[in-house]
Amino acid sequence: MSSIIQSHGFTNEVLQWHAWLDVIDLDQASEDQIKVLEESHPKAKTSDYYLFLGHQPEILRQRSAAFNAIMYAPGGMSRAERELGSMVVSRVNGCVYCASVHAQRFEQLTKRNDTVQQVFDDPHTAGADAREKAIAQFAIALTKAPNDIGATNIQALKDAGLSEQEILDLIHSVAIFAWANRLMLNLGEPVFPAAE
């Protein structure tokens, strides 16, 4: 990671997340719970997020399949731009944990953090170029007023060079994190690294 950014309560630091409700006790977990944790993420057995969602193995399984299809599918929008859309929706919704994760991924993929700083400072003016600005503006609009999205919003993305497939990928990445943010914000809290 490049330099640490801290702005308006958001950071690109690696954070943990603590569930307010009970998580799975691995010693008492069912066979299917253990299986879905092993399928989901390499750190799922130590993550409160996965240990909480694992109470309902089939729902976690479907969530992971949808997430992987949206964020990692080949073709369409670049991974970095999907991360940008996810970071913006997380910033707008106030989900410090998710914004941190997507900031880190964006930086890893682009090898820069100027846009991360901009998103954390003010997502409404964020973007290193016209394409990034259009992505950020659309993510804000879709997050704040999904029923108001129309042809003008789509045309602004096309004018910035996005194809219809890329626009669909952006809609999906914003939508899944609108859901994930609300889950994270209502069921737990971010845990910042201990000050040294």
C-alpha atoms as a PDB file:
ATOM      1  CA  MET A   1       0.000   0.000   0.000  1.00  0.00           C
ATOM      2  CA  SER A   2       1.111   3.538  -0.630  1.00  0.00           C
ATOM      3  CA  SER A   3       0.916   6.228   2.023  1.00  0.00           C
ATOM      4  CA  ILE A   4      -1.840   6.093   4.618  1.00  0.00           C
ATOM      5  CA  ILE A   5      -4.798   8.339   3.891  1.00  0.00           C
ATOM      6  CA  GLN A   6      -7.106   9.542   6.644  1.00  0.00           C
ATOM      7  CA  SER A   7      -9.871  11.964   5.689  1.00  0.00           C
ATOM      8  CA  HIS A   8     -13.350  12.642   7.088  1.00  0.00           C
ATOM      9  CA  GLY A   9     -13.194   9.461   9.196  1.00  0.00           C
ATOM     10  CA  PHE A  10     -12.206   7.274   6.214  1.00  0.00           C
ATOM     11  CA  THR A  11      -8.883   5.534   5.681  1.00  0.00           C
ATOM     12  CA  ASN A  12      -7.077   3.212   3.298  1.00  0.00           C
ATOM     13  CA  GLU A  13      -5.595   1.352   6.267  1.00  0.00           C
ATOM     14  CA  VAL A  14      -6.395  -2.329   6.792  1.00  0.00           C
ATOM     15  CA  LEU A  15      -9.309  -2.466   9.229  1.00  0.00           C
ATOM     16  CA  GLN A  16     -11.069  -5.291  11.002  1.00  0.00           C
ATOM     17  CA  TRP A  17     -14.817  -5.525  11.523  1.00  0.00           C
ATOM     18  CA  HIS A  18     -16.479  -6.604  14.765  1.00  0.00           C
ATOM     19  CA  ALA A  19     -20.002  -8.074  14.729  1.00  0.00           C
ATOM     20  CA  TRP A  20     -22.338  -6.919  17.480  1.00  0.00           C
ATOM     21  CA  LEU A  21     -24.246 -10.221  17.351  1.00  0.00           C
ATOM     22  CA  ASP A  22     -23.052 -13.767  17.916  1.00  0.00           C
ATOM     23  CA  VAL A  23     -20.782 -15.316  15.312  1.00  0.00           C
ATOM     24  CA  ILE A  24     -20.268 -18.999  14.625  1.00  0.00           C
ATOM     25  CA  ASP A  25     -18.210 -20.875  17.179  1.00  0.00           C
ATOM     26  CA  LEU A  26     -16.048 -23.071  14.948  1.00  0.00           C
ATOM     27  CA  ASP A  27     -16.008 -25.829  17.579  1.00  0.00           C
ATOM     28  CA  GLN A  28     -19.800 -26.051  17.352  1.00  0.00           C
ATOM     29  CA  ALA A  29     -20.255 -25.285  13.646  1.00  0.00           C
ATOM     30  CA  SER A  30     -22.155 -27.661  11.386  1.00  0.00           C
ATOM     31  CA  GLU A  31     -20.433 -29.448   8.533  1.00  0.00           C
ATOM     32  CA  ASP A  32     -22.159 -27.158   6.027  1.00  0.00           C
ATOM     33  CA  GLN A  33     -21.120 -24.036   7.954  1.00  0.00           C
ATOM     34  CA  ILE A  34     -17.481 -25.127   7.899  1.00  0.00           C
ATOM     35  CA  LYS A  35     -17.759 -25.996   4.209  1.00  0.00           C
ATOM     36  CA  VAL A  36     -19.226 -22.610   3.210  1.00  0.00           C
ATOM     37  CA  LEU A  37     -16.571 -20.769   5.218  1.00  0.00           C
ATOM     38  CA  GLU A  38     -13.858 -22.731   3.421  1.00  0.00           C
ATOM     39  CA  GLU A  39     -15.500 -21.961   0.058  1.00  0.00           C
ATOM     40  CA  SER A  40     -15.956 -18.245   0.766  1.00  0.00           C
ATOM     41  CA  HIS A  41     -12.617 -16.616   1.557  1.00  0.00           C
ATOM     42  CA  PRO A  42      -9.174 -17.688   2.797  1.00  0.00           C
ATOM     43  CA  LYS A  43      -9.695 -15.715   6.039  1.00  0.00           C
ATOM     44  CA  ALA A  44     -13.378 -16.551   6.522  1.00  0.00           C
ATOM     45  CA  LYS A  45     -12.755 -18.682   9.624  1.00  0.00           C
ATOM     46  CA  THR A  46     -11.223 -15.684  11.403  1.00  0.00           C
ATOM     47  CA  SER A  47     -13.491 -12.932  10.049  1.00  0.00           C
ATOM     48  CA  ASP A  48     -16.522 -11.821  12.075  1.00  0.00           C
ATOM     49  CA  TYR A  49     -18.229 -10.906   8.787  1.00  0.00           C
ATOM     50  CA  TYR A  50     -18.089 -14.445   7.412  1.00  0.00           C
ATOM     51  CA  LEU A  51     -18.587 -16.045  10.817  1.00  0.00           C
ATOM     52  CA  PHE A  52     -21.772 -14.017  11.202  1.00  0.00           C
ATOM     53  CA  LEU A  53     -23.114 -14.664   7.688  1.00  0.00           C
ATOM     54  CA  GLY A  54     -22.213 -18.341   8.066  1.00  0.00           C
ATOM     55  CA  HIS A  55     -25.196 -18.812  10.376  1.00  0.00           C
ATOM     56  CA  GLN A  56     -27.124 -19.150   7.100  1.00  0.00           C
ATOM     57  CA  PRO A  57     -24.767 -21.190   4.893  1.00  0.00           C
ATOM     58  CA  GLU A  58     -26.879 -21.137   1.729  1.00  0.00           C
ATOM     59  CA  ILE A  59     -27.355 -17.370   1.868  1.00  0.00           C
ATOM     60  CA  LEU A  60     -23.595 -16.892   2.342  1.00  0.00           C
ATOM     61  CA  ARG A  61     -22.954 -19.249  -0.561  1.00  0.00           C
ATOM     62  CA  GLN A  62     -25.273 -17.251  -2.824  1.00  0.00           C
ATOM     63  CA  ARG A  63     -23.820 -13.939  -1.616  1.00  0.00           C
ATOM     64  CA  SER A  64     -20.299 -15.137  -2.420  1.00  0.00           C
ATOM     65  CA  ALA A  65     -21.322 -16.341  -5.882  1.00  0.00           C
ATOM     66  CA  ALA A  66     -22.983 -13.003  -6.663  1.00  0.00           C
ATOM     67  CA  PHE A  67     -20.021 -11.011  -5.307  1.00  0.00           C
ATOM     68  CA  ASN A  68     -17.491 -13.027  -7.323  1.00  0.00           C
ATOM     69  CA  ALA A  69     -19.539 -12.711 -10.520  1.00  0.00           C
ATOM     70  CA  ILE A  70     -19.916  -8.951 -10.068  1.00  0.00           C
ATOM     71  CA  MET A  71     -16.392  -8.053  -8.998  1.00  0.00           C
ATOM     72  CA  TYR A  72     -14.235 -10.626 -10.818  1.00  0.00           C
ATOM     73  CA  ALA A  73     -16.052 -11.567 -14.019  1.00  0.00           C
ATOM     74  CA  PRO A  74     -13.866 -11.235 -17.131  1.00  0.00           C
ATOM     75  CA  GLY A  75     -14.632  -8.603 -19.716  1.00  0.00           C
ATOM     76  CA  GLY A  76     -16.609  -5.443 -19.220  1.00  0.00           C
ATOM     77  CA  MET A  77     -15.454  -2.848 -16.729  1.00  0.00           C
ATOM     78  CA  SER A  78     -11.940  -3.102 -15.335  1.00  0.00           C
ATOM     79  CA  ARG A  79     -11.479  -4.425 -11.806  1.00  0.00           C
ATOM     80  CA  ALA A  80     -10.081  -1.059 -10.716  1.00  0.00           C
ATOM     81  CA  GLU A  81     -13.173   0.773 -11.958  1.00  0.00           C
ATOM     82  CA  ARG A  82     -15.463  -1.720 -10.200  1.00  0.00           C
ATOM     83  CA  GLU A  83     -13.479  -1.028  -7.033  1.00  0.00           C
ATOM     84  CA  LEU A  84     -13.858   2.714  -7.623  1.00  0.00           C
ATOM     85  CA  GLY A  85     -17.647   2.413  -7.878  1.00  0.00           C
ATOM     86  CA  SER A  86     -17.695   0.279  -4.725  1.00  0.00           C
ATOM     87  CA  MET A  87     -15.461   2.723  -2.872  1.00  0.00           C
ATOM     88  CA  VAL A  88     -17.675   5.693  -3.796  1.00  0.00           C
ATOM     89  CA  VAL A  89     -20.930   4.015  -2.709  1.00  0.00           C
ATOM     90  CA  SER A  90     -19.240   2.971   0.545  1.00  0.00           C
ATOM     91  CA  ARG A  91     -18.033   6.540   1.151  1.00  0.00           C
ATOM     92  CA  VAL A  92     -21.489   7.988   0.421  1.00  0.00           C
ATOM     93  CA  ASN A  93     -23.166   5.466   2.735  1.00  0.00           C
ATOM     94  CA  GLY A  94     -20.609   6.085   5.483  1.00  0.00           C
ATOM     95  CA  CYS A  95     -19.276   2.517   5.563  1.00  0.00           C
ATOM     96  CA  VAL A  96     -15.698   3.089   6.713  1.00  0.00           C
ATOM     97  CA  TYR A  97     -14.812  -0.611   6.601  1.00  0.00           C
ATOM     98  CA  CYS A  98     -15.968  -1.227   3.013  1.00  0.00           C
ATOM     99  CA  ALA A  99     -14.469   2.056   1.790  1.00  0.00           C
ATOM    100  CA  SER A 100     -11.142   0.977   3.273  1.00  0.00           C
ATOM    101  CA  VAL A 101     -11.202  -2.418   1.556  1.00  0.00           C
ATOM    102  CA  HIS A 102     -12.066  -0.971  -1.854  1.00  0.00           C
ATOM    103  CA  ALA A 103      -9.548   1.838  -1.497  1.00  0.00           C
ATOM    104  CA  GLN A 104      -6.840  -0.767  -0.916  1.00  0.00           C
ATOM    105  CA  ARG A 105      -7.936  -2.829  -3.930  1.00  0.00           C
ATOM    106  CA  PHE A 106      -8.103   0.262  -6.150  1.00  0.00           C
ATOM    107  CA  GLU A 107      -4.580   1.246  -5.099  1.00  0.00           C
ATOM    108  CA  GLN A 108      -3.260  -2.282  -5.681  1.00  0.00           C
ATOM    109  CA  LEU A 109      -4.728  -2.373  -9.171  1.00  0.00           C
ATOM    110  CA  THR A 110      -3.864   1.168 -10.294  1.00  0.00           C
ATOM    111  CA  LYS A 111      -0.630   1.712  -8.316  1.00  0.00           C
ATOM    112  CA  ARG A 112      -1.881   5.168  -7.279  1.00  0.00           C
ATOM    113  CA  ASN A 113      -3.978   6.710  -4.549  1.00  0.00           C
ATOM    114  CA  ASP A 114      -4.866  10.176  -5.826  1.00  0.00           C
ATOM    115  CA  THR A 115      -8.439   9.146  -6.547  1.00  0.00           C
ATOM    116  CA  VAL A 116      -8.736   7.482  -3.139  1.00  0.00           C
ATOM    117  CA  GLN A 117      -7.781  10.764  -1.467  1.00  0.00           C
ATOM    118  CA  GLN A 118     -10.340  12.587  -3.622  1.00  0.00           C
ATOM    119  CA  VAL A 119     -13.134  10.122  -2.823  1.00  0.00           C
ATOM    120  CA  PHE A 120     -12.460  10.384   0.892  1.00  0.00           C
ATOM    121  CA  ASP A 121     -12.194  14.194   0.767  1.00  0.00           C
ATOM    122  CA  ASP A 122     -15.319  14.743  -1.358  1.00  0.00           C
ATOM    123  CA  PRO A 123     -16.743  12.041  -3.641  1.00  0.00           C
ATOM    124  CA  HIS A 124     -18.740  14.655  -5.564  1.00  0.00           C
ATOM    125  CA  THR A 125     -15.551  16.085  -7.088  1.00  0.00           C
ATOM    126  CA  ALA A 126     -13.510  12.856  -7.197  1.00  0.00           C
ATOM    127  CA  GLY A 127     -11.824  11.403 -10.252  1.00  0.00           C
ATOM    128  CA  ALA A 128      -8.437  11.721 -11.894  1.00  0.00           C
ATOM    129  CA  ASP A 129      -9.985  12.012 -15.353  1.00  0.00           C
ATOM    130  CA  ALA A 130     -13.374  12.396 -17.051  1.00  0.00           C
ATOM    131  CA  ARG A 131     -14.050   8.660 -16.959  1.00  0.00           C
ATOM    132  CA  GLU A 132     -13.364   8.342 -13.227  1.00  0.00           C
ATOM    133  CA  LYS A 133     -15.437  11.459 -12.560  1.00  0.00           C
ATOM    134  CA  ALA A 134     -18.366   9.982 -14.503  1.00  0.00           C
ATOM    135  CA  ILE A 135     -18.101   6.708 -12.579  1.00  0.00           C
ATOM    136  CA  ALA A 136     -18.045   8.561  -9.257  1.00  0.00           C
ATOM    137  CA  GLN A 137     -20.991  10.780 -10.195  1.00  0.00           C
ATOM    138  CA  PHE A 138     -23.063   7.809 -11.328  1.00  0.00           C
ATOM    139  CA  ALA A 139     -22.230   5.830  -8.174  1.00  0.00           C
ATOM    140  CA  ILE A 140     -23.363   8.782  -6.047  1.00  0.00           C
ATOM    141  CA  ALA A 141     -26.592   9.216  -8.010  1.00  0.00           C
ATOM    142  CA  LEU A 142     -27.442   5.505  -7.926  1.00  0.00           C
ATOM    143  CA  THR A 143     -26.702   5.346  -4.206  1.00  0.00           C
ATOM    144  CA  LYS A 144     -28.676   8.410  -3.208  1.00  0.00           C
ATOM    145  CA  ALA A 145     -31.678   8.163  -5.545  1.00  0.00           C
ATOM    146  CA  PRO A 146     -31.858   4.881  -7.484  1.00  0.00           C
ATOM    147  CA  ASN A 147     -35.401   5.603  -8.664  1.00  0.00           C
ATOM    148  CA  ASP A 148     -34.238   8.807 -10.321  1.00  0.00           C
ATOM    149  CA  ILE A 149     -31.623   7.181 -12.585  1.00  0.00           C
ATOM    150  CA  GLY A 150     -32.514   7.761 -16.200  1.00  0.00           C
ATOM    151  CA  ALA A 151     -31.250   8.227 -19.718  1.00  0.00           C
ATOM    152  CA  THR A 152     -29.255  11.351 -18.824  1.00  0.00           C
ATOM    153  CA  ASN A 153     -27.216   9.432 -16.237  1.00  0.00           C
ATOM    154  CA  ILE A 154     -26.530   6.610 -18.670  1.00  0.00           C
ATOM    155  CA  GLN A 155     -25.621   9.036 -21.448  1.00  0.00           C
ATOM    156  CA  ALA A 156     -23.071  10.759 -19.177  1.00  0.00           C
ATOM    157  CA  LEU A 157     -21.337   7.392 -18.757  1.00  0.00           C
ATOM    158  CA  LYS A 158     -21.418   6.725 -22.498  1.00  0.00           C
ATOM    159  CA  ASP A 159     -20.019  10.208 -23.144  1.00  0.00           C
ATOM    160  CA  ALA A 160     -17.113   9.309 -20.826  1.00  0.00           C
ATOM    161  CA  GLY A 161     -16.403   6.228 -22.941  1.00  0.00           C
ATOM    162  CA  LEU A 162     -18.172   3.449 -21.027  1.00  0.00           C
ATOM    163  CA  SER A 163     -19.748   0.654 -23.040  1.00  0.00           C
ATOM    164  CA  GLU A 164     -23.143  -0.822 -22.178  1.00  0.00           C
ATOM    165  CA  GLN A 165     -21.418  -3.844 -20.597  1.00  0.00           C
ATOM    166  CA  GLU A 166     -19.230  -1.575 -18.465  1.00  0.00           C
ATOM    167  CA  ILE A 167     -22.294   0.394 -17.371  1.00  0.00           C
ATOM    168  CA  LEU A 168     -24.016  -2.834 -16.342  1.00  0.00           C
ATOM    169  CA  ASP A 169     -20.915  -3.859 -14.363  1.00  0.00           C
ATOM    170  CA  LEU A 170     -20.909  -0.482 -12.615  1.00  0.00           C
ATOM    171  CA  ILE A 171     -24.593  -0.772 -11.717  1.00  0.00           C
ATOM    172  CA  HIS A 172     -23.977  -4.223 -10.251  1.00  0.00           C
ATOM    173  CA  SER A 173     -20.915  -3.180  -8.235  1.00  0.00           C
ATOM    174  CA  VAL A 174     -22.726  -0.155  -6.787  1.00  0.00           C
ATOM    175  CA  ALA A 175     -25.828  -2.231  -6.019  1.00  0.00           C
ATOM    176  CA  ILE A 176     -24.050  -5.045  -4.195  1.00  0.00           C
ATOM    177  CA  PHE A 177     -22.206  -2.566  -2.009  1.00  0.00           C
ATOM    178  CA  ALA A 178     -25.332  -0.549  -1.297  1.00  0.00           C
ATOM    179  CA  TRP A 179     -26.551  -3.840   0.223  1.00  0.00           C
ATOM    180  CA  ALA A 180     -23.231  -4.775   1.867  1.00  0.00           C
ATOM    181  CA  ASN A 181     -22.780  -1.317   3.405  1.00  0.00           C
ATOM    182  CA  ARG A 182     -26.156  -1.467   5.063  1.00  0.00           C
ATOM    183  CA  LEU A 183     -25.392  -4.921   6.412  1.00  0.00           C
ATOM    184  CA  MET A 184     -22.017  -3.887   7.792  1.00  0.00           C
ATOM    185  CA  LEU A 185     -23.322  -0.634   9.285  1.00  0.00           C
ATOM    186  CA  ASN A 186     -26.260  -2.299  11.040  1.00  0.00           C
ATOM    187  CA  LEU A 187     -24.590  -5.442  12.334  1.00  0.00           C
ATOM    188  CA  GLY A 188     -21.165  -4.320  13.536  1.00  0.00           C
ATOM    189  CA  GLU A 189     -18.425  -1.731  13.491  1.00  0.00           C
ATOM    190  CA  PRO A 190     -14.993  -1.166  11.978  1.00  0.00           C
ATOM    191  CA  VAL A 191     -11.974  -1.733  14.191  1.00  0.00           C
ATOM    192  CA  PHE A 192      -9.051   0.585  13.527  1.00  0.00           C
ATOM    193  CA  PRO A 193      -5.436  -0.496  14.016  1.00  0.00           C
ATOM    194  CA  ALA A 194      -4.065   0.212  17.469  1.00  0.00           C
ATOM    195  CA  ALA A 195      -2.058   3.427  17.618  1.00  0.00           C
ATOM    196  CA  GLU A 196       1.651   2.824  18.088  1.00  0.00           C
END
